Each structure stands twice: as C-alpha cells, then as structure tokens.
Amino acid sequence: MMKKMVFLFLVVFAQLFVLTGCRDKSSHDMNNMVQSEPVQKEDTYEAVTGVQSNDVTGGGVQNENVTAGVNTEQNAEGYSGEAFYEKYANGNLTLKDLSEAVSRAIKEEYWPNEVMEEAEIQKKLGITRDQYDDCYFEYTHLKDNLDQLIIIEYEDDQLGNLEMALEKYRDNLIVEHQEQPINYAKANASRIEVIDDYICLVLLGGDLDHIDNDEERMLICQEQNEKAIDMLERILID
C-alpha cells in the first residue's frame, strides 16, 4: 500500500514539473517575441497619407522637410499632420494652415509668432477688405526682429493693386532698416510671389546674430524664403 502511494506521488510530481516547465518556456518565448518586434510609430507624411513624401503630385506637400511639415503628433495648438492632410484632401485649408506648413518646413528658424489684426493690416499695407478674400499676416513679436509671412487670397481684379501695395511695403522696410544689418539683409532678401490665387510676401531668416558677413546673411535669408515658397507652391498648385 505504501509503495502504491509513493508511486502515485511521484507521478503527480512529475506532471507538475512538466507543466511548470512548459509554462515558463511559453512565457520566455512570448517575451522574446515582444522584444524582437517593437511597435514603432512613424511620424512621416507617408505614414499619414500612404504616399511617399518625394512622390506627391497635384498639389501635395512634398519636399525633404515634409516630415516636419506633416507630423502625426499634435503640437501645443492641437495642429496635427492628419488634420492637415484631411483638410488638404477636402480643399478646406486655411491661410493659417499654410503658415503652419511653412513653419514646419523651416523648423526652428521660423520666427513669426503673432497674427496681425485686420485694422493693423490695412494700416501697414494700405489695402482694404474689399481687395481680398482673406489675408494672413504673421510677424515676430520680438523687438527689432523683422521676420514675417503675408499670404493674401486676392480678388481677381485686385492682383495688380495688391502687388503694388506689397512692393511699396517691402521698399519701405528696406529703407527703414538700413542701419540694422540683420533686418536690412532680411528685407532685401524678401520675396513677393503670386501662387495660384494667392500673393505672398515671404520675409524670413531666423537667427543671424552669429553671422558677420552681409553676403552670407542674404544667402541664408534667400534659402529660408525659397523653402517657404517651395512649400506653398507644392500645396497650392494643382
């Protein structure tokens, strides 16, 4: 009788040992699977749209900075790449959305951070509300800094008048800042561009305090402005 009980005890113990070993091996294998296949969130235009960032036609956002321009993470204002693309696909982009795309193309060197009110726009540019459908004027709310972006959706018969107003405004900035080398370079490098139904003044440059050469300052500003215009053209031109 005692031998039979010992035999049964050994059988039960052996079964428990086998089961424990299988369970440990299963847990170990599962851990290896989780570690070998981490989930990575890709914050790229391709992840949002399913289209490669260098292969977008018909008015999409495409350039080497598109990862910054269309990021799936939201920023402090709640802006996200997914929301941007949805608006773009539906033809509902605002002028503020366009400025957001430009800021992501230029990244930390995009300094405009204050939106000008309509009354101040009229005072600054000498244009009236009946000359345009919409106007977005973003400038840098820092003393002695000239960086700004102006995007105007114009009325068809007012393009010439708006173009002259922006040219006059630009010329005045150049004259007013002759004694300020950095702002003088930024004003001289600024661009006025007509893109589809929009006319823009792009005056960017970011941090130039470490640049002592006038020619180099101009070159940096021209590069920043070109990035901005390139982004706007890729969005607005079908």
C-alpha atoms as a PDB file:
ATOM      1  CA  MET A   1       0.000   0.000   0.000  1.00  0.00           C
ATOM      2  CA  MET A   2       2.836   2.367   0.917  1.00  0.00           C
ATOM      3  CA  LYS A   3       4.637   1.606  -2.349  1.00  0.00           C
ATOM      4  CA  LYS A   4       1.481   2.414  -4.315  1.00  0.00           C
ATOM      5  CA  MET A   5       1.101   5.800  -2.574  1.00  0.00           C
ATOM      6  CA  VAL A   6       4.753   6.675  -3.220  1.00  0.00           C
ATOM      7  CA  PHE A   7       4.326   5.755  -6.869  1.00  0.00           C
ATOM      8  CA  LEU A   8       1.230   7.973  -7.224  1.00  0.00           C
ATOM      9  CA  PHE A   9       3.051  10.867  -5.508  1.00  0.00           C
ATOM     10  CA  LEU A  10       5.967  10.558  -7.947  1.00  0.00           C
ATOM     11  CA  VAL A  11       3.581  10.544 -10.938  1.00  0.00           C
ATOM     12  CA  VAL A  12       1.782  13.696  -9.748  1.00  0.00           C
ATOM     13  CA  PHE A  13       5.106  15.438  -9.010  1.00  0.00           C
ATOM     14  CA  ALA A  14       6.410  14.598 -12.492  1.00  0.00           C
ATOM     15  CA  GLN A  15       3.262  16.001 -14.150  1.00  0.00           C
ATOM     16  CA  LEU A  16       3.534  19.238 -12.148  1.00  0.00           C
ATOM     17  CA  PHE A  17       7.212  19.596 -13.158  1.00  0.00           C
ATOM     18  CA  VAL A  18       6.382  19.156 -16.850  1.00  0.00           C
ATOM     19  CA  LEU A  19       3.521  21.679 -16.739  1.00  0.00           C
ATOM     20  CA  THR A  20       5.658  24.290 -14.929  1.00  0.00           C
ATOM     21  CA  GLY A  21       8.454  23.909 -17.456  1.00  0.00           C
ATOM     22  CA  CYS A  22       6.075  24.391 -20.394  1.00  0.00           C
ATOM     23  CA  ARG A  23       4.533  27.472 -18.835  1.00  0.00           C
ATOM     24  CA  ASP A  24       7.953  29.046 -18.199  1.00  0.00           C
ATOM     25  CA  LYS A  25       9.074  28.281 -21.751  1.00  0.00           C
ATOM     26  CA  SER A  26       5.872  29.797 -23.162  1.00  0.00           C
ATOM     27  CA  SER A  27       6.361  32.999 -21.146  1.00  0.00           C
ATOM     28  CA  HIS A  28      10.011  33.194 -22.214  1.00  0.00           C
ATOM     29  CA  ASP A  29       9.084  32.780 -25.889  1.00  0.00           C
ATOM     30  CA  MET A  30       6.369  35.429 -25.638  1.00  0.00           C
ATOM     31  CA  ASN A  31       8.793  37.890 -24.058  1.00  0.00           C
ATOM     32  CA  ASN A  32      11.259  37.286 -26.864  1.00  0.00           C
ATOM     33  CA  MET A  33       8.548  37.951 -29.444  1.00  0.00           C
ATOM     34  CA  VAL A  34       7.609  41.274 -27.825  1.00  0.00           C
ATOM     35  CA  GLN A  35      11.238  42.364 -27.575  1.00  0.00           C
ATOM     36  CA  SER A  36      12.124  41.376 -31.153  1.00  0.00           C
ATOM     37  CA  GLU A  37       9.127  43.179 -32.716  1.00  0.00           C
ATOM     38  CA  PRO A  38       8.829  46.625 -31.082  1.00  0.00           C
ATOM     39  CA  VAL A  39       5.973  48.827 -32.274  1.00  0.00           C
ATOM     40  CA  GLN A  40       7.391  51.960 -33.874  1.00  0.00           C
ATOM     41  CA  LYS A  41       5.174  54.918 -34.737  1.00  0.00           C
ATOM     42  CA  GLU A  42       6.390  56.601 -37.933  1.00  0.00           C
ATOM     43  CA  ASP A  43       5.798  60.344 -37.855  1.00  0.00           C
ATOM     44  CA  THR A  44       6.087  60.826 -41.586  1.00  0.00           C
ATOM     45  CA  TYR A  45       3.961  62.054 -44.447  1.00  0.00           C
ATOM     46  CA  GLU A  46       3.942  58.527 -45.885  1.00  0.00           C
ATOM     47  CA  ALA A  47       2.563  57.122 -42.611  1.00  0.00           C
ATOM     48  CA  VAL A  48      -0.257  59.674 -42.660  1.00  0.00           C
ATOM     49  CA  THR A  49      -1.130  59.569 -46.351  1.00  0.00           C
ATOM     50  CA  GLY A  50       0.182  56.299 -47.707  1.00  0.00           C
ATOM     51  CA  VAL A  51       2.132  58.290 -50.303  1.00  0.00           C
ATOM     52  CA  GLN A  52       5.897  58.749 -50.369  1.00  0.00           C
ATOM     53  CA  SER A  53       6.943  62.266 -49.447  1.00  0.00           C
ATOM     54  CA  ASN A  54       9.054  62.613 -52.596  1.00  0.00           C
ATOM     55  CA  ASP A  55       6.351  61.337 -54.924  1.00  0.00           C
ATOM     56  CA  VAL A  56       3.329  63.579 -54.459  1.00  0.00           C
ATOM     57  CA  THR A  57       1.745  65.316 -57.415  1.00  0.00           C
ATOM     58  CA  GLY A  58      -1.265  67.526 -57.878  1.00  0.00           C
ATOM     59  CA  GLY A  59      -0.795  69.961 -55.025  1.00  0.00           C
ATOM     60  CA  GLY A  60       0.504  67.759 -52.219  1.00  0.00           C
ATOM     61  CA  VAL A  61       3.107  68.712 -49.639  1.00  0.00           C
ATOM     62  CA  GLN A  62       6.405  67.326 -50.880  1.00  0.00           C
ATOM     63  CA  ASN A  63       9.990  68.118 -50.041  1.00  0.00           C
ATOM     64  CA  GLU A  64      12.762  66.912 -47.778  1.00  0.00           C
ATOM     65  CA  ASN A  65      11.239  68.755 -44.839  1.00  0.00           C
ATOM     66  CA  VAL A  66       7.833  67.168 -45.162  1.00  0.00           C
ATOM     67  CA  THR A  67       8.358  65.037 -42.056  1.00  0.00           C
ATOM     68  CA  ALA A  68       8.443  68.224 -40.045  1.00  0.00           C
ATOM     69  CA  GLY A  69       5.669  69.768 -42.119  1.00  0.00           C
ATOM     70  CA  VAL A  70       3.272  66.853 -41.694  1.00  0.00           C
ATOM     71  CA  ASN A  71       3.819  65.216 -38.329  1.00  0.00           C
ATOM     72  CA  THR A  72       1.236  62.873 -36.839  1.00  0.00           C
ATOM     73  CA  GLU A  73       1.935  64.187 -33.337  1.00  0.00           C
ATOM     74  CA  GLN A  74      -0.058  67.217 -32.253  1.00  0.00           C
ATOM     75  CA  ASN A  75       1.697  70.392 -31.232  1.00  0.00           C
ATOM     76  CA  ALA A  76       0.660  72.720 -28.422  1.00  0.00           C
ATOM     77  CA  GLU A  77      -2.053  74.304 -30.566  1.00  0.00           C
ATOM     78  CA  GLY A  78      -3.582  70.934 -31.440  1.00  0.00           C
ATOM     79  CA  TYR A  79      -2.339  71.044 -35.022  1.00  0.00           C
ATOM     80  CA  SER A  80      -1.523  67.632 -36.496  1.00  0.00           C
ATOM     81  CA  GLY A  81      -0.433  66.222 -39.805  1.00  0.00           C
ATOM     82  CA  GLU A  82      -3.524  64.036 -40.017  1.00  0.00           C
ATOM     83  CA  ALA A  83      -5.779  67.050 -39.587  1.00  0.00           C
ATOM     84  CA  PHE A  84      -3.725  68.964 -42.156  1.00  0.00           C
ATOM     85  CA  TYR A  85      -3.978  66.221 -44.761  1.00  0.00           C
ATOM     86  CA  GLU A  86      -7.701  65.767 -44.184  1.00  0.00           C
ATOM     87  CA  LYS A  87      -8.223  69.494 -44.750  1.00  0.00           C
ATOM     88  CA  TYR A  88      -5.973  69.400 -47.787  1.00  0.00           C
ATOM     89  CA  ALA A  89      -7.795  66.430 -49.298  1.00  0.00           C
ATOM     90  CA  ASN A  90     -11.142  68.169 -48.791  1.00  0.00           C
ATOM     91  CA  GLY A  91      -9.930  71.525 -50.101  1.00  0.00           C
ATOM     92  CA  ASN A  92     -10.528  73.187 -46.712  1.00  0.00           C
ATOM     93  CA  LEU A  93      -7.075  74.511 -45.860  1.00  0.00           C
ATOM     94  CA  THR A  94      -6.982  77.932 -44.201  1.00  0.00           C
ATOM     95  CA  LEU A  95      -4.229  80.516 -44.571  1.00  0.00           C
ATOM     96  CA  LYS A  96      -3.143  79.664 -41.028  1.00  0.00           C
ATOM     97  CA  ASP A  97      -2.746  76.037 -42.133  1.00  0.00           C
ATOM     98  CA  LEU A  98      -0.449  77.226 -44.906  1.00  0.00           C
ATOM     99  CA  SER A  99       1.675  79.161 -42.428  1.00  0.00           C
ATOM    100  CA  GLU A 100       1.858  76.040 -40.241  1.00  0.00           C
ATOM    101  CA  ALA A 101       3.204  74.059 -43.191  1.00  0.00           C
ATOM    102  CA  VAL A 102       5.811  76.743 -43.859  1.00  0.00           C
ATOM    103  CA  SER A 103       6.868  76.796 -40.204  1.00  0.00           C
ATOM    104  CA  ARG A 104       7.434  73.034 -40.305  1.00  0.00           C
ATOM    105  CA  ALA A 105       9.466  73.311 -43.478  1.00  0.00           C
ATOM    106  CA  ILE A 106      11.770  75.862 -41.858  1.00  0.00           C
ATOM    107  CA  LYS A 107      11.548  74.374 -38.363  1.00  0.00           C
ATOM    108  CA  GLU A 108      13.205  76.334 -35.542  1.00  0.00           C
ATOM    109  CA  GLU A 109      14.262  79.138 -37.889  1.00  0.00           C
ATOM    110  CA  TYR A 110      10.631  80.152 -38.455  1.00  0.00           C
ATOM    111  CA  TRP A 111      10.193  83.044 -36.037  1.00  0.00           C
ATOM    112  CA  PRO A 112       6.828  84.719 -36.842  1.00  0.00           C
ATOM    113  CA  ASN A 113       4.557  84.080 -33.871  1.00  0.00           C
ATOM    114  CA  GLU A 114       1.941  86.863 -33.786  1.00  0.00           C
ATOM    115  CA  VAL A 115      -1.058  87.306 -36.101  1.00  0.00           C
ATOM    116  CA  MET A 116      -1.888  90.845 -37.191  1.00  0.00           C
ATOM    117  CA  GLU A 117      -5.457  92.102 -36.927  1.00  0.00           C
ATOM    118  CA  GLU A 118      -7.375  93.360 -39.973  1.00  0.00           C
ATOM    119  CA  ALA A 119      -7.251  97.022 -38.946  1.00  0.00           C
ATOM    120  CA  GLU A 120      -3.494  96.877 -38.480  1.00  0.00           C
ATOM    121  CA  ILE A 121      -3.084  95.102 -41.828  1.00  0.00           C
ATOM    122  CA  GLN A 122      -4.879  97.967 -43.553  1.00  0.00           C
ATOM    123  CA  LYS A 123      -2.638 100.452 -41.758  1.00  0.00           C
ATOM    124  CA  LYS A 124       0.584  98.552 -42.538  1.00  0.00           C
ATOM    125  CA  LEU A 125      -0.080  97.561 -46.144  1.00  0.00           C
ATOM    126  CA  GLY A 126      -2.526 100.237 -47.253  1.00  0.00           C
ATOM    127  CA  ILE A 127      -5.072  97.710 -48.502  1.00  0.00           C
ATOM    128  CA  THR A 128      -8.786  97.459 -47.727  1.00  0.00           C
ATOM    129  CA  ARG A 129     -11.031  94.459 -47.020  1.00  0.00           C
ATOM    130  CA  ASP A 130     -12.781  94.669 -50.383  1.00  0.00           C
ATOM    131  CA  GLN A 131      -9.494  93.987 -52.189  1.00  0.00           C
ATOM    132  CA  TYR A 132      -9.061  90.432 -50.931  1.00  0.00           C
ATOM    133  CA  ASP A 133     -10.971  87.337 -49.881  1.00  0.00           C
ATOM    134  CA  ASP A 134      -8.670  86.577 -46.978  1.00  0.00           C
ATOM    135  CA  CYS A 135      -5.383  87.833 -45.573  1.00  0.00           C
ATOM    136  CA  TYR A 136      -2.986  86.277 -43.069  1.00  0.00           C
ATOM    137  CA  PHE A 137      -0.147  88.406 -41.707  1.00  0.00           C
ATOM    138  CA  GLU A 138       2.112  86.701 -39.178  1.00  0.00           C
ATOM    139  CA  TYR A 139       5.046  88.591 -37.717  1.00  0.00           C
ATOM    140  CA  THR A 140       7.619  88.208 -34.977  1.00  0.00           C
ATOM    141  CA  HIS A 141       6.557  89.674 -31.671  1.00  0.00           C
ATOM    142  CA  LEU A 142      10.125  90.485 -30.720  1.00  0.00           C
ATOM    143  CA  LYS A 143      11.763  93.868 -30.600  1.00  0.00           C
ATOM    144  CA  ASP A 144      13.993  94.657 -33.600  1.00  0.00           C
ATOM    145  CA  ASN A 145      13.097  91.486 -35.488  1.00  0.00           C
ATOM    146  CA  LEU A 146      11.607  91.692 -38.953  1.00  0.00           C
ATOM    147  CA  ASP A 147      10.647  88.098 -39.805  1.00  0.00           C
ATOM    148  CA  GLN A 148       7.137  87.858 -41.258  1.00  0.00           C
ATOM    149  CA  LEU A 149       4.886  85.953 -43.625  1.00  0.00           C
ATOM    150  CA  ILE A 150       1.990  87.518 -45.518  1.00  0.00           C
ATOM    151  CA  ILE A 151      -0.449  85.386 -47.536  1.00  0.00           C
ATOM    152  CA  ILE A 152      -3.327  87.099 -49.337  1.00  0.00           C
ATOM    153  CA  GLU A 153      -6.113  85.345 -51.218  1.00  0.00           C
ATOM    154  CA  TYR A 154      -6.866  88.073 -53.704  1.00  0.00           C
ATOM    155  CA  GLU A 155      -9.883  89.225 -55.686  1.00  0.00           C
ATOM    156  CA  ASP A 156      -9.270  88.680 -59.407  1.00  0.00           C
ATOM    157  CA  ASP A 157      -9.380  92.348 -60.331  1.00  0.00           C
ATOM    158  CA  GLN A 158      -7.187  93.425 -57.409  1.00  0.00           C
ATOM    159  CA  LEU A 159      -3.986  91.447 -58.013  1.00  0.00           C
ATOM    160  CA  GLY A 160      -2.155  94.416 -59.556  1.00  0.00           C
ATOM    161  CA  ASN A 161      -3.119  96.749 -56.711  1.00  0.00           C
ATOM    162  CA  LEU A 162      -2.134  94.234 -54.055  1.00  0.00           C
ATOM    163  CA  GLU A 163       1.168  93.565 -55.778  1.00  0.00           C
ATOM    164  CA  MET A 164       1.980  97.291 -55.806  1.00  0.00           C
ATOM    165  CA  ALA A 165       0.982  97.595 -52.140  1.00  0.00           C
ATOM    166  CA  LEU A 166       3.311  94.764 -51.120  1.00  0.00           C
ATOM    167  CA  GLU A 167       6.157  96.141 -53.210  1.00  0.00           C
ATOM    168  CA  LYS A 168       5.761  99.569 -51.604  1.00  0.00           C
ATOM    169  CA  TYR A 169       5.656  97.985 -48.147  1.00  0.00           C
ATOM    170  CA  ARG A 170       8.803  95.958 -48.916  1.00  0.00           C
ATOM    171  CA  ASP A 171      10.664  99.006 -50.266  1.00  0.00           C
ATOM    172  CA  ASN A 172       9.782 100.949 -47.109  1.00  0.00           C
ATOM    173  CA  LEU A 173      11.157  98.158 -44.923  1.00  0.00           C
ATOM    174  CA  ILE A 174      14.444  98.211 -46.818  1.00  0.00           C
ATOM    175  CA  VAL A 175      14.776 101.970 -46.343  1.00  0.00           C
ATOM    176  CA  GLU A 176      13.712 101.914 -42.678  1.00  0.00           C
ATOM    177  CA  HIS A 177      16.258  99.258 -41.705  1.00  0.00           C
ATOM    178  CA  GLN A 178      19.368 100.496 -43.487  1.00  0.00           C
ATOM    179  CA  GLU A 179      21.108 100.988 -40.141  1.00  0.00           C
ATOM    180  CA  GLN A 180      20.247  97.478 -38.906  1.00  0.00           C
ATOM    181  CA  PRO A 181      22.438  94.999 -40.836  1.00  0.00           C
ATOM    182  CA  ILE A 182      20.430  91.877 -39.968  1.00  0.00           C
ATOM    183  CA  ASN A 183      16.987  93.291 -40.709  1.00  0.00           C
ATOM    184  CA  TYR A 184      18.365  95.092 -43.758  1.00  0.00           C
ATOM    185  CA  ALA A 185      19.562  91.746 -45.134  1.00  0.00           C
ATOM    186  CA  LYS A 186      16.200  90.140 -44.356  1.00  0.00           C
ATOM    187  CA  ALA A 187      14.263  92.938 -46.063  1.00  0.00           C
ATOM    188  CA  ASN A 188      16.480  92.826 -49.159  1.00  0.00           C
ATOM    189  CA  ALA A 189      16.203  89.042 -49.413  1.00  0.00           C
ATOM    190  CA  SER A 190      12.400  89.046 -49.070  1.00  0.00           C
ATOM    191  CA  ARG A 191      10.255  87.717 -51.915  1.00  0.00           C
ATOM    192  CA  ILE A 192       6.867  88.621 -53.356  1.00  0.00           C
ATOM    193  CA  GLU A 193       5.309  85.675 -55.167  1.00  0.00           C
ATOM    194  CA  VAL A 194       1.986  85.047 -56.881  1.00  0.00           C
ATOM    195  CA  ILE A 195       0.990  81.410 -56.365  1.00  0.00           C
ATOM    196  CA  ASP A 196      -2.297  80.379 -57.935  1.00  0.00           C
ATOM    197  CA  ASP A 197      -4.989  82.565 -56.277  1.00  0.00           C
ATOM    198  CA  TYR A 198      -2.618  83.905 -53.632  1.00  0.00           C
ATOM    199  CA  ILE A 199       0.018  86.606 -53.414  1.00  0.00           C
ATOM    200  CA  CYS A 200       2.634  86.255 -50.708  1.00  0.00           C
ATOM    201  CA  LEU A 201       5.386  88.279 -49.123  1.00  0.00           C
ATOM    202  CA  VAL A 202       7.956  85.989 -47.526  1.00  0.00           C
ATOM    203  CA  LEU A 203      10.480  87.685 -45.255  1.00  0.00           C
ATOM    204  CA  LEU A 204      12.286  85.066 -43.196  1.00  0.00           C
ATOM    205  CA  GLY A 205      15.762  84.360 -41.903  1.00  0.00           C
ATOM    206  CA  GLY A 206      15.678  83.358 -38.249  1.00  0.00           C
ATOM    207  CA  ASP A 207      18.809  83.667 -36.149  1.00  0.00           C
ATOM    208  CA  LEU A 208      21.543  85.648 -37.928  1.00  0.00           C
ATOM    209  CA  ASP A 209      23.289  87.081 -34.856  1.00  0.00           C
ATOM    210  CA  HIS A 210      26.264  84.757 -35.340  1.00  0.00           C
ATOM    211  CA  ILE A 211      26.756  85.802 -38.992  1.00  0.00           C
ATOM    212  CA  ASP A 212      29.066  88.774 -39.562  1.00  0.00           C
ATOM    213  CA  ASN A 213      29.150  88.755 -43.356  1.00  0.00           C
ATOM    214  CA  ASP A 214      26.406  90.712 -45.183  1.00  0.00           C
ATOM    215  CA  GLU A 215      26.532  88.446 -48.203  1.00  0.00           C
ATOM    216  CA  GLU A 216      26.178  85.313 -46.067  1.00  0.00           C
ATOM    217  CA  ARG A 217      23.201  86.823 -44.244  1.00  0.00           C
ATOM    218  CA  MET A 218      21.472  87.472 -47.555  1.00  0.00           C
ATOM    219  CA  LEU A 219      22.173  83.939 -48.741  1.00  0.00           C
ATOM    220  CA  ILE A 220      20.705  82.364 -45.597  1.00  0.00           C
ATOM    221  CA  CYS A 221      17.562  84.504 -45.866  1.00  0.00           C
ATOM    222  CA  GLN A 222      17.158  83.643 -49.539  1.00  0.00           C
ATOM    223  CA  GLU A 223      17.403  79.942 -48.720  1.00  0.00           C
ATOM    224  CA  GLN A 224      14.767  80.215 -45.999  1.00  0.00           C
ATOM    225  CA  ASN A 225      12.434  82.160 -48.274  1.00  0.00           C
ATOM    226  CA  GLU A 226      12.895  79.623 -51.043  1.00  0.00           C
ATOM    227  CA  LYS A 227      11.928  76.802 -48.682  1.00  0.00           C
ATOM    228  CA  ALA A 228       8.773  78.684 -47.713  1.00  0.00           C
ATOM    229  CA  ILE A 229       7.769  79.421 -51.308  1.00  0.00           C
ATOM    230  CA  ASP A 230       8.529  75.884 -52.377  1.00  0.00           C
ATOM    231  CA  MET A 231       6.233  74.523 -49.658  1.00  0.00           C
ATOM    232  CA  LEU A 232       3.418  76.915 -50.606  1.00  0.00           C
ATOM    233  CA  GLU A 233       3.722  76.028 -54.289  1.00  0.00           C
ATOM    234  CA  ARG A 234       3.588  72.311 -53.573  1.00  0.00           C
ATOM    235  CA  ILE A 235       0.388  72.769 -51.588  1.00  0.00           C
ATOM    236  CA  LEU A 236      -1.402  75.356 -53.728  1.00  0.00           C
ATOM    237  CA  ILE A 237      -0.528  74.477 -57.327  1.00  0.00           C
ATOM    238  CA  ASP A 238      -2.566  71.594 -58.750  1.00  0.00           C
END
